[in-house]
C-alpha atoms as a PDB file:
ATOM      1  CA  MET A   1     -80.323 -39.420 -24.743  1.00  0.00           C
ATOM      2  CA  ASN A   2     -83.963 -40.247 -25.346  1.00  0.00           C
ATOM      3  CA  LYS A   3     -86.167 -37.806 -23.407  1.00  0.00           C
ATOM      4  CA  THR A   4     -89.106 -38.058 -25.830  1.00  0.00           C
ATOM      5  CA  GLY A   5     -91.279 -40.101 -23.476  1.00  0.00           C
ATOM      6  CA  VAL A   6     -91.651 -42.936 -26.014  1.00  0.00           C
ATOM      7  CA  VAL A   7     -89.586 -45.943 -27.029  1.00  0.00           C
ATOM      8  CA  ILE A   8     -87.668 -45.231 -30.239  1.00  0.00           C
ATOM      9  CA  ASN A   9     -87.754 -48.243 -32.552  1.00  0.00           C
ATOM     10  CA  ASN A  10     -86.000 -46.728 -35.585  1.00  0.00           C
ATOM     11  CA  LEU A  11     -83.213 -44.168 -35.756  1.00  0.00           C
ATOM     12  CA  HIS A  12     -81.863 -42.754 -38.995  1.00  0.00           C
ATOM     13  CA  ILE A  13     -79.058 -40.217 -39.410  1.00  0.00           C
ATOM     14  CA  SER A  14     -78.070 -38.714 -42.738  1.00  0.00           C
ATOM     15  CA  PRO A  15     -76.146 -35.678 -43.958  1.00  0.00           C
ATOM     16  CA  SER A  16     -78.489 -32.699 -44.325  1.00  0.00           C
ATOM     17  CA  SER A  17     -77.534 -32.507 -47.995  1.00  0.00           C
ATOM     18  CA  SER A  18     -78.845 -36.042 -48.648  1.00  0.00           C
ATOM     19  CA  ASP A  19     -82.348 -37.037 -49.757  1.00  0.00           C
ATOM     20  CA  ASP A  20     -81.910 -40.582 -48.411  1.00  0.00           C
ATOM     21  CA  TRP A  21     -82.285 -41.628 -44.761  1.00  0.00           C
ATOM     22  CA  GLY A  22     -80.283 -44.813 -45.129  1.00  0.00           C
ATOM     23  CA  ALA A  23     -80.502 -47.784 -42.775  1.00  0.00           C
ATOM     24  CA  ASP A  24     -81.991 -47.859 -39.286  1.00  0.00           C
ATOM     25  CA  ILE A  25     -78.912 -47.737 -37.044  1.00  0.00           C
ATOM     26  CA  LEU A  26     -80.748 -49.404 -34.147  1.00  0.00           C
ATOM     27  CA  GLY A  27     -81.306 -52.576 -36.166  1.00  0.00           C
ATOM     28  CA  GLN A  28     -83.315 -54.992 -34.007  1.00  0.00           C
ATOM     29  CA  ASP A  29     -82.796 -52.884 -30.856  1.00  0.00           C
ATOM     30  CA  ALA A  30     -84.917 -50.084 -29.392  1.00  0.00           C
ATOM     31  CA  LEU A  31     -84.002 -46.987 -27.394  1.00  0.00           C
ATOM     32  CA  ASP A  32     -86.120 -46.700 -24.251  1.00  0.00           C
ATOM     33  CA  THR A  33     -86.994 -43.420 -22.550  1.00  0.00           C
ATOM     34  CA  ASP A  34     -84.010 -42.097 -20.547  1.00  0.00           C
ATOM     35  CA  GLN A  35     -81.680 -44.476 -22.388  1.00  0.00           C
ATOM     36  CA  SER A  36     -78.689 -43.332 -24.426  1.00  0.00           C
ATOM     37  CA  LEU A  37     -76.692 -44.694 -27.329  1.00  0.00           C
ATOM     38  CA  ASP A  38     -73.133 -44.000 -28.501  1.00  0.00           C
ATOM     39  CA  ILE A  39     -72.889 -43.209 -32.206  1.00  0.00           C
ATOM     40  CA  LYS A  40     -69.476 -42.937 -33.793  1.00  0.00           C
ATOM     41  CA  PHE A  41     -68.758 -41.390 -37.173  1.00  0.00           C
ATOM     42  CA  HIS A  42     -65.958 -42.409 -39.500  1.00  0.00           C
ATOM     43  CA  PRO A  43     -62.806 -40.375 -38.654  1.00  0.00           C
ATOM     44  CA  ARG A  44     -62.641 -39.041 -42.220  1.00  0.00           C
ATOM     45  CA  GLU A  45     -66.251 -37.816 -42.198  1.00  0.00           C
ATOM     46  CA  ASN A  46     -66.158 -34.095 -43.025  1.00  0.00           C
ATOM     47  CA  VAL A  47     -69.876 -33.258 -42.833  1.00  0.00           C
ATOM     48  CA  CYS A  48     -71.087 -31.153 -39.900  1.00  0.00           C
ATOM     49  CA  LYS A  49     -74.808 -30.723 -40.639  1.00  0.00           C
ATOM     50  CA  TRP A  50     -76.928 -33.844 -40.100  1.00  0.00           C
ATOM     51  CA  ASP A  51     -80.621 -34.739 -40.037  1.00  0.00           C
ATOM     52  CA  LEU A  52     -82.040 -37.224 -37.568  1.00  0.00           C
ATOM     53  CA  LYS A  53     -85.311 -39.161 -37.818  1.00  0.00           C
ATOM     54  CA  VAL A  54     -86.885 -41.406 -35.186  1.00  0.00           C
ATOM     55  CA  LYS A  55     -89.946 -43.633 -35.276  1.00  0.00           C
ATOM     56  CA  ASP A  56     -91.834 -45.189 -32.355  1.00  0.00           C
ATOM     57  CA  SER A  57     -93.646 -48.531 -32.184  1.00  0.00           C
ATOM     58  CA  SER A  58     -96.915 -46.915 -33.329  1.00  0.00           C
ATOM     59  CA  GLY A  59     -95.273 -45.636 -36.515  1.00  0.00           C
ATOM     60  CA  ASN A  60     -95.179 -41.987 -35.414  1.00  0.00           C
ATOM     61  CA  SER A  61     -92.053 -40.234 -36.640  1.00  0.00           C
ATOM     62  CA  LEU A  62     -90.205 -37.068 -35.741  1.00  0.00           C
ATOM     63  CA  GLU A  63     -87.368 -35.313 -37.541  1.00  0.00           C
ATOM     64  CA  TRP A  64     -84.649 -32.883 -36.520  1.00  0.00           C
ATOM     65  CA  THR A  65     -82.803 -31.101 -39.316  1.00  0.00           C
ATOM     66  CA  ASP A  66     -79.500 -29.256 -39.719  1.00  0.00           C
ATOM     67  CA  LEU A  67     -78.007 -30.455 -36.440  1.00  0.00           C
ATOM     68  CA  ASP A  68     -74.359 -29.377 -36.223  1.00  0.00           C
ATOM     69  CA  LEU A  69     -72.639 -32.516 -34.954  1.00  0.00           C
ATOM     70  CA  CYS A  70     -69.006 -31.531 -35.514  1.00  0.00           C
ATOM     71  CA  LYS A  71     -68.484 -30.556 -31.882  1.00  0.00           C
ATOM     72  CA  ALA A  72     -71.391 -32.451 -30.321  1.00  0.00           C
ATOM     73  CA  VAL A  73     -70.614 -34.877 -27.517  1.00  0.00           C
ATOM     74  CA  LYS A  74     -74.206 -35.461 -26.404  1.00  0.00           C
ATOM     75  CA  ILE A  75     -77.600 -34.919 -28.027  1.00  0.00           C
ATOM     76  CA  THR A  76     -80.765 -35.094 -25.963  1.00  0.00           C
ATOM     77  CA  LEU A  77     -84.031 -35.531 -27.865  1.00  0.00           C
ATOM     78  CA  HIS A  78     -87.187 -34.037 -26.351  1.00  0.00           C
ATOM     79  CA  TRP A  79     -90.871 -34.211 -27.307  1.00  0.00           C
ATOM     80  CA  ASP A  80     -93.471 -31.680 -26.111  1.00  0.00           C
ATOM     81  CA  ALA A  81     -96.819 -33.435 -26.601  1.00  0.00           C
ATOM     82  CA  SER A  82     -98.829 -30.311 -25.687  1.00  0.00           C
ATOM     83  CA  LYS A  83     -97.182 -28.347 -28.521  1.00  0.00           C
ATOM     84  CA  GLY A  84     -96.633 -31.287 -30.858  1.00  0.00           C
ATOM     85  CA  THR A  85     -92.982 -30.355 -31.326  1.00  0.00           C
ATOM     86  CA  GLY A  86     -89.617 -31.972 -30.830  1.00  0.00           C
ATOM     87  CA  THR A  87     -86.404 -30.271 -29.823  1.00  0.00           C
ATOM     88  CA  ALA A  88     -82.803 -31.389 -29.531  1.00  0.00           C
ATOM     89  CA  THR A  89     -80.335 -30.139 -26.947  1.00  0.00           C
ATOM     90  CA  ILE A  90     -76.714 -30.441 -28.077  1.00  0.00           C
ATOM     91  CA  ASP A  91     -73.861 -30.468 -25.544  1.00  0.00           C
ATOM     92  CA  GLU A  92     -70.553 -29.544 -27.146  1.00  0.00           C
ATOM     93  CA  GLU A  93     -67.038 -30.616 -26.255  1.00  0.00           C
END
């Protein structure tokens, strides 16, 4: 769920052990504020720790690292403009 207050134009997810962000999984789409997106991992994926990077239309980017996604059913991304920090709330199964 996007609770950052900005439209997310790019979304990258990679294993925390990787140095490469890989492709933008949104493609031509964007994720508006208060909008959500289902992301499914390959059933044989055995990595739990993931990094997530988003970019808005102005080119500003924000990263979350070492997110444990093995039991996650919902991730809510937040941005606190007054502190200049982002947080992620993870709801588990």
